[in-house]
Amino acid sequence: MQEIAKTLIIFGIILIAVGIILIFAPKLPYLGRLPGDIYWEKKNFTIYFPLTTCLLISVILSLIFWLWSRR
């Protein structure tokens, strides 16, 4: 029963962290506008894919989970 409680607490902390990130993400100056992000605009449509931003977030999350698993 304690394992379930610990898991719920961890998920709650993760949800709070994601909420805080979502609140402050628009205020970060370069997030989503890094060199290497793909932006293509034509008359009728626009394609935007934040490739570099995705890679950066992936590396950061991989590092966090790797450090977490070493515990």
N, C-alpha and C. Protein backbone atom coordinates (compact mmCIF):
# COMPACT_ATOMS: atom_id res chain seq x y z
N MET A 1 0.82 -1.18 0.00
CA MET A 1 0.00 0.00 0.00
C MET A 1 0.87 1.26 0.00
N GLN A 2 2.02 1.20 0.67
CA GLN A 2 2.90 2.36 0.70
C GLN A 2 3.53 2.63 -0.65
N GLU A 3 3.75 1.58 -1.42
CA GLU A 3 4.33 1.77 -2.76
C GLU A 3 3.38 2.55 -3.66
N ILE A 4 2.08 2.25 -3.55
CA ILE A 4 1.09 2.98 -4.34
C ILE A 4 1.06 4.45 -3.91
N ALA A 5 1.14 4.68 -2.62
CA ALA A 5 1.14 6.05 -2.12
C ALA A 5 2.37 6.82 -2.62
N LYS A 6 3.52 6.18 -2.59
CA LYS A 6 4.74 6.83 -3.08
C LYS A 6 4.64 7.14 -4.57
N THR A 7 4.08 6.19 -5.33
CA THR A 7 3.92 6.38 -6.76
C THR A 7 2.98 7.55 -7.05
N LEU A 8 1.88 7.63 -6.31
CA LEU A 8 0.94 8.74 -6.50
C LEU A 8 1.57 10.08 -6.14
N ILE A 9 2.38 10.11 -5.11
CA ILE A 9 3.07 11.34 -4.74
C ILE A 9 4.05 11.76 -5.83
N ILE A 10 4.78 10.81 -6.38
CA ILE A 10 5.73 11.11 -7.46
C ILE A 10 5.00 11.64 -8.68
N PHE A 11 3.88 10.98 -9.06
CA PHE A 11 3.10 11.47 -10.20
C PHE A 11 2.54 12.86 -9.94
N GLY A 12 2.14 13.12 -8.71
CA GLY A 12 1.65 14.46 -8.36
C GLY A 12 2.73 15.50 -8.50
N ILE A 13 3.93 15.20 -8.06
CA ILE A 13 5.05 16.13 -8.20
C ILE A 13 5.38 16.37 -9.66
N ILE A 14 5.33 15.31 -10.47
CA ILE A 14 5.58 15.45 -11.90
C ILE A 14 4.52 16.34 -12.54
N LEU A 15 3.26 16.14 -12.19
CA LEU A 15 2.20 16.97 -12.74
C LEU A 15 2.35 18.44 -12.35
N ILE A 16 2.75 18.69 -11.13
CA ILE A 16 2.99 20.07 -10.69
C ILE A 16 4.14 20.68 -11.48
N ALA A 17 5.21 19.92 -11.69
CA ALA A 17 6.35 20.42 -12.46
C ALA A 17 5.95 20.72 -13.90
N VAL A 18 5.16 19.83 -14.51
CA VAL A 18 4.71 20.07 -15.89
C VAL A 18 3.82 21.30 -15.94
N GLY A 19 2.96 21.48 -14.96
CA GLY A 19 2.11 22.67 -14.90
C GLY A 19 2.91 23.95 -14.80
N ILE A 20 3.93 23.94 -13.97
CA ILE A 20 4.80 25.12 -13.82
C ILE A 20 5.53 25.40 -15.12
N ILE A 21 6.02 24.35 -15.77
CA ILE A 21 6.71 24.53 -17.05
C ILE A 21 5.76 25.12 -18.09
N LEU A 22 4.52 24.63 -18.13
CA LEU A 22 3.55 25.14 -19.10
C LEU A 22 3.19 26.60 -18.83
N ILE A 23 3.21 27.00 -17.58
CA ILE A 23 2.92 28.39 -17.25
C ILE A 23 4.06 29.30 -17.70
N PHE A 24 5.29 28.89 -17.47
CA PHE A 24 6.43 29.75 -17.74
C PHE A 24 7.07 29.53 -19.11
N ALA A 25 6.70 28.49 -19.85
CA ALA A 25 7.31 28.20 -21.15
C ALA A 25 7.15 29.34 -22.16
N PRO A 26 5.99 29.99 -22.26
CA PRO A 26 5.89 31.09 -23.23
C PRO A 26 6.81 32.27 -22.91
N LYS A 27 7.24 32.37 -21.67
CA LYS A 27 8.11 33.47 -21.27
C LYS A 27 9.59 33.19 -21.49
N LEU A 28 9.94 31.93 -21.81
CA LEU A 28 11.33 31.59 -22.12
C LEU A 28 11.67 32.14 -23.50
N PRO A 29 12.75 32.89 -23.61
CA PRO A 29 12.99 33.64 -24.85
C PRO A 29 13.28 32.81 -26.09
N TYR A 30 13.98 31.69 -25.99
CA TYR A 30 14.42 30.98 -27.18
C TYR A 30 13.75 29.63 -27.38
N LEU A 31 12.93 29.19 -26.44
CA LEU A 31 12.31 27.88 -26.54
C LEU A 31 11.34 27.87 -27.73
N GLY A 32 11.60 27.01 -28.69
CA GLY A 32 10.78 26.92 -29.88
C GLY A 32 11.28 27.77 -31.04
N ARG A 33 12.33 28.53 -30.82
CA ARG A 33 12.90 29.38 -31.87
C ARG A 33 14.41 29.22 -31.94
N LEU A 34 14.87 28.00 -31.78
CA LEU A 34 16.30 27.73 -31.81
C LEU A 34 16.76 27.54 -33.25
N PRO A 35 18.06 27.75 -33.50
CA PRO A 35 18.58 27.43 -34.83
C PRO A 35 18.41 25.93 -35.10
N GLY A 36 17.92 25.59 -36.25
CA GLY A 36 17.66 24.20 -36.58
C GLY A 36 16.19 23.85 -36.52
N ASP A 37 15.37 24.71 -35.94
CA ASP A 37 13.93 24.51 -35.98
C ASP A 37 13.45 24.80 -37.41
N ILE A 38 12.60 23.95 -37.92
CA ILE A 38 12.17 24.05 -39.31
C ILE A 38 10.92 24.92 -39.39
N TYR A 39 10.99 25.97 -40.21
CA TYR A 39 9.87 26.88 -40.43
C TYR A 39 9.78 27.15 -41.92
N TRP A 40 8.66 26.78 -42.52
CA TRP A 40 8.50 26.94 -43.96
C TRP A 40 7.13 27.55 -44.21
N GLU A 41 7.11 28.69 -44.88
CA GLU A 41 5.86 29.40 -45.10
C GLU A 41 5.63 29.59 -46.60
N LYS A 42 4.46 29.23 -47.03
CA LYS A 42 4.01 29.45 -48.40
C LYS A 42 2.75 30.30 -48.36
N LYS A 43 2.15 30.52 -49.52
CA LYS A 43 0.95 31.36 -49.56
C LYS A 43 -0.18 30.82 -48.70
N ASN A 44 -0.48 29.55 -48.86
CA ASN A 44 -1.67 28.99 -48.22
C ASN A 44 -1.42 28.23 -46.93
N PHE A 45 -0.18 27.94 -46.61
CA PHE A 45 0.06 27.14 -45.42
C PHE A 45 1.44 27.43 -44.84
N THR A 46 1.59 27.04 -43.60
CA THR A 46 2.86 27.19 -42.88
C THR A 46 3.18 25.86 -42.20
N ILE A 47 4.43 25.45 -42.31
CA ILE A 47 4.90 24.25 -41.61
C ILE A 47 5.95 24.68 -40.60
N TYR A 48 5.74 24.28 -39.37
CA TYR A 48 6.71 24.60 -38.32
C TYR A 48 6.95 23.33 -37.53
N PHE A 49 8.21 22.92 -37.46
CA PHE A 49 8.59 21.76 -36.66
C PHE A 49 9.82 22.12 -35.85
N PRO A 50 9.68 22.20 -34.52
CA PRO A 50 10.81 22.59 -33.66
C PRO A 50 11.77 21.43 -33.43
N LEU A 51 12.53 21.08 -34.44
CA LEU A 51 13.42 19.91 -34.39
C LEU A 51 14.48 20.06 -33.29
N THR A 52 15.18 21.16 -33.29
CA THR A 52 16.24 21.37 -32.29
C THR A 52 15.66 21.45 -30.88
N THR A 53 14.52 22.10 -30.74
CA THR A 53 13.89 22.20 -29.43
C THR A 53 13.50 20.81 -28.92
N CYS A 54 12.95 19.96 -29.81
CA CYS A 54 12.59 18.59 -29.42
C CYS A 54 13.82 17.80 -28.99
N LEU A 55 14.90 17.93 -29.74
CA LEU A 55 16.13 17.22 -29.38
C LEU A 55 16.68 17.69 -28.04
N LEU A 56 16.65 18.99 -27.81
CA LEU A 56 17.15 19.53 -26.54
C LEU A 56 16.31 19.03 -25.36
N ILE A 57 15.00 19.06 -25.50
CA ILE A 57 14.13 18.57 -24.43
C ILE A 57 14.34 17.07 -24.22
N SER A 58 14.54 16.32 -25.29
CA SER A 58 14.79 14.89 -25.18
C SER A 58 16.07 14.60 -24.42
N VAL A 59 17.13 15.34 -24.71
CA VAL A 59 18.40 15.14 -24.01
C VAL A 59 18.25 15.48 -22.53
N ILE A 60 17.57 16.57 -22.23
CA ILE A 60 17.39 16.97 -20.83
C ILE A 60 16.58 15.93 -20.07
N LEU A 61 15.47 15.46 -20.66
CA LEU A 61 14.66 14.46 -19.99
C LEU A 61 15.40 13.13 -19.85
N SER A 62 16.18 12.75 -20.85
CA SER A 62 16.97 11.52 -20.76
C SER A 62 17.98 11.61 -19.63
N LEU A 63 18.63 12.75 -19.49
CA LEU A 63 19.58 12.96 -18.39
C LEU A 63 18.89 12.88 -17.03
N ILE A 64 17.72 13.51 -16.92
CA ILE A 64 16.98 13.48 -15.66
C ILE A 64 16.59 12.05 -15.31
N PHE A 65 16.04 11.30 -16.28
CA PHE A 65 15.63 9.92 -16.00
C PHE A 65 16.83 9.01 -15.73
N TRP A 66 17.95 9.27 -16.39
CA TRP A 66 19.16 8.47 -16.12
C TRP A 66 19.65 8.73 -14.70
N LEU A 67 19.65 10.00 -14.29
CA LEU A 67 20.06 10.30 -12.92
C LEU A 67 19.08 9.72 -11.91
N TRP A 68 17.79 9.74 -12.25
CA TRP A 68 16.77 9.19 -11.36
C TRP A 68 16.94 7.68 -11.19
N SER A 69 17.29 6.98 -12.28
CA SER A 69 17.40 5.53 -12.20
C SER A 69 18.67 5.09 -11.46
N ARG A 70 19.65 5.92 -11.35
CA ARG A 70 20.88 5.57 -10.63
C ARG A 70 20.68 5.60 -9.13
N ARG A 71 19.61 6.13 -8.66
CA ARG A 71 19.32 6.31 -7.26
C ARG A 71 19.28 5.03 -6.53
